[in-house]
Protein backbone atom coordinates (compact mmCIF):
# COMPACT_ATOMS: atom_id res chain seq x y z
CA MET A 1 125.59 142.89 77.75
CA SER A 2 126.59 139.27 78.21
CA VAL A 3 128.98 137.79 80.78
CA ARG A 4 132.19 136.25 79.49
CA LYS A 5 132.14 132.47 79.54
CA GLY A 6 134.97 132.17 82.10
CA GLU A 7 133.12 134.54 84.50
CA ARG A 8 129.76 132.82 84.39
CA THR A 9 128.44 131.13 87.51
CA GLU A 10 125.74 128.60 88.10
CA GLY A 11 122.33 129.95 89.13
CA LYS A 12 121.58 129.61 92.82
CA LEU A 13 118.44 127.60 92.24
CA ARG A 14 119.76 125.37 89.48
CA VAL A 15 119.11 122.42 91.76
CA LEU A 16 115.38 123.21 91.84
CA LEU A 17 115.27 123.42 88.04
CA CYS A 18 117.15 120.15 87.77
CA ALA A 19 114.79 118.43 90.24
CA GLU A 20 111.72 119.75 88.43
CA ASN A 21 113.08 118.48 85.10
CA LEU A 22 113.75 115.09 86.68
CA SER A 23 110.20 114.99 88.06
CA ARG A 24 108.66 116.00 84.72
CA TYR A 25 110.57 113.31 82.90
CA THR A 26 109.72 110.77 85.58
CA LEU A 27 106.00 111.55 85.31
CA THR A 28 106.10 111.41 81.49
CA VAL A 29 107.82 108.01 81.44
CA CYS A 30 105.80 106.46 84.27
CA LYS A 31 102.38 107.41 82.88
CA ASN A 32 103.24 105.81 79.51
CA GLU A 33 101.62 102.39 79.56
CA LYS A 34 103.99 101.14 76.82
CA VAL A 35 106.97 101.83 79.07
CA MET A 36 105.56 100.98 82.52
CA PRO A 37 102.77 98.36 82.26
CA LYS A 38 99.59 99.41 84.07
CA SER A 39 99.30 95.98 85.72
CA GLN A 40 102.64 96.51 87.44
CA ARG A 41 102.33 100.23 88.12
CA TRP A 42 101.50 99.85 91.81
CA LEU A 43 104.49 97.64 92.43
CA LEU A 44 107.28 100.04 91.43
CA THR A 45 106.14 103.02 89.45
CA GLN A 46 104.40 104.73 92.35
CA ARG A 47 107.62 104.56 94.40
CA ILE A 48 109.67 106.01 91.48
CA VAL A 49 107.28 108.93 91.02
CA GLY A 50 107.07 109.48 94.80
CA SER A 51 110.87 109.64 95.13
CA ALA A 52 111.18 112.21 92.34
CA LEU A 53 108.34 114.40 93.75
CA ASP A 54 109.66 114.09 97.33
CA ALA A 55 113.08 115.34 96.19
CA VAL A 56 111.43 118.46 94.68
CA ALA A 57 109.38 119.00 97.83
CA CYS A 58 112.44 118.77 100.06
CA ILE A 59 114.45 121.11 97.84
CA THR A 60 111.60 123.62 97.83
CA LYS A 61 111.26 123.47 101.67
CA ALA A 62 115.05 123.83 102.08
CA ASN A 63 115.04 126.88 99.84
CA ALA A 64 112.36 128.48 101.95
CA ALA A 65 114.24 127.99 105.18
CA PRO A 66 116.09 131.15 106.31
CA LEU A 67 119.87 130.58 106.22
CA ASN A 68 120.51 133.54 108.51
CA GLU A 69 118.75 131.90 111.52
CA PRO A 70 120.31 128.90 113.29
CA ILE A 71 117.15 126.74 113.32
CA GLY A 72 116.45 127.71 109.71
CA ALA A 73 119.96 126.75 108.65
CA VAL A 74 119.72 123.38 110.40
CA MET A 75 116.29 122.64 108.90
CA ARG A 76 117.58 123.67 105.52
CA TYR A 77 120.43 121.17 105.84
CA ILE A 78 118.07 118.41 107.00
CA TRP A 79 115.80 118.95 103.97
CA GLN A 80 118.86 119.02 101.65
CA VAL A 81 120.00 115.66 103.02
CA GLN A 82 116.51 114.21 102.73
CA ALA A 83 116.39 115.36 99.10
CA LYS A 84 119.70 113.54 98.54
CA GLY A 85 118.18 110.43 100.02
CA HIS A 86 115.15 110.62 97.70
CA ILE A 87 117.45 111.04 94.70
CA ARG A 88 119.56 108.03 95.75
CA THR A 89 116.36 106.00 96.27
CA LEU A 90 115.18 106.98 92.82
CA LEU A 91 118.44 105.82 91.28
CA SER A 92 118.08 102.41 93.00
CA LEU A 93 114.51 102.10 91.88
CA LEU A 94 115.48 102.94 88.29
CA ASP A 95 117.97 100.14 88.34
CA LEU A 96 115.33 97.74 89.61
CA ALA A 97 112.76 99.04 87.04
CA GLN A 98 115.22 98.54 84.19
CA ALA A 99 115.82 94.97 85.27
CA THR A 100 112.07 94.32 85.84
CA PHE A 101 110.47 96.04 82.90
CA GLY A 102 113.44 95.80 80.45
CA LEU A 103 113.36 99.57 79.92
CA ASP A 104 115.15 100.99 76.89
CA LEU A 105 118.80 101.69 77.95
CA HIS A 106 118.87 105.10 76.28
CA ARG A 107 115.78 106.15 78.26
CA VAL A 108 117.35 104.88 81.54
CA GLU A 109 120.65 106.58 80.74
CA HIS A 110 118.92 109.91 80.23
CA TRP A 111 116.87 109.40 83.42
CA VAL A 112 120.01 108.60 85.39
CA GLU A 113 121.79 111.66 83.90
CA LEU A 114 118.94 113.87 85.14
CA ALA A 115 119.14 112.34 88.60
CA VAL A 116 122.90 112.61 88.83
CA ASP A 117 122.81 116.20 87.60
CA THR A 118 120.25 116.97 90.32
CA ASP A 119 122.43 115.23 92.92
CA LYS A 120 125.53 117.17 91.86
CA SER A 121 123.65 120.48 91.88
CA LEU A 122 122.33 119.65 95.34
CA ALA A 123 125.83 118.88 96.61
CA ALA A 124 127.07 122.21 95.21
CA TRP A 125 124.23 124.03 96.96
CA VAL A 126 125.02 122.36 100.28
CA LYS A 127 128.69 123.29 99.88
CA SER A 128 127.75 126.88 99.06
CA ASP A 129 125.49 127.09 102.12
CA ARG A 130 128.28 125.82 104.37
CA GLN A 131 130.62 128.47 103.04
CA ARG A 132 128.05 131.25 103.41
CA THR A 133 127.00 130.35 106.91
CA ALA A 134 129.19 132.14 109.46
CA MET A 135 127.04 131.80 112.61
CA PRO A 136 129.04 130.87 115.69
CA GLY A 137 128.37 127.27 116.65
CA LEU A 138 126.22 126.40 113.63
CA GLN A 139 128.76 124.23 111.92
CA GLU A 140 129.37 122.39 115.21
CA ILE A 141 125.60 121.73 115.54
CA ILE A 142 125.44 120.38 111.97
CA THR A 143 128.57 118.29 112.55
CA VAL A 144 127.01 116.72 115.64
CA LEU A 145 123.64 116.15 113.91
CA HIS A 146 125.08 114.97 110.61
CA PRO A 147 125.27 111.21 111.44
CA LEU A 148 121.71 111.28 112.77
CA ILE A 149 120.38 113.18 109.73
CA MET A 150 122.16 110.82 107.33
CA ALA A 151 120.85 107.73 109.10
CA ALA A 152 117.30 109.09 109.24
CA SER A 153 117.45 109.84 105.52
CA GLY A 154 118.70 106.33 104.68
CA LEU A 155 122.21 107.57 103.77
CA VAL A 156 125.24 106.19 105.54
CA ASN A 157 128.82 107.37 104.95
CA THR A 158 128.05 109.55 101.90
């Protein structure tokens, strides 16, 4: 039996699927010598691939952290914010790669769509976690740590 369209919800780990799709596409594009010249690969391509893979790693770690324990919930939030930082870094590097290598705009648009979709799914996951977490004092701890976590992840005022 199927669920009516209006009653469907997003899967809890949609963000992981999005991040893995982003990483697969990133690896496919970056290993193509016609798209990313081998002579310039070490300058930018390695950073692009690293950012995509680091985002997946942070999301995977965050998912493994227990939300029902205070330290687990805080670590989960830290990894979620770090993943957001990696996605934002990837977007900046894609802009630079497009200007440097003259990448096809359709390819870059698709790449950016994958990154933005991952970022939006991540934001929805963070919001869902905040709503689910009802431990006394946890939200206060996260509120106090938030500016430090953001600064350490290279994100300010986001």
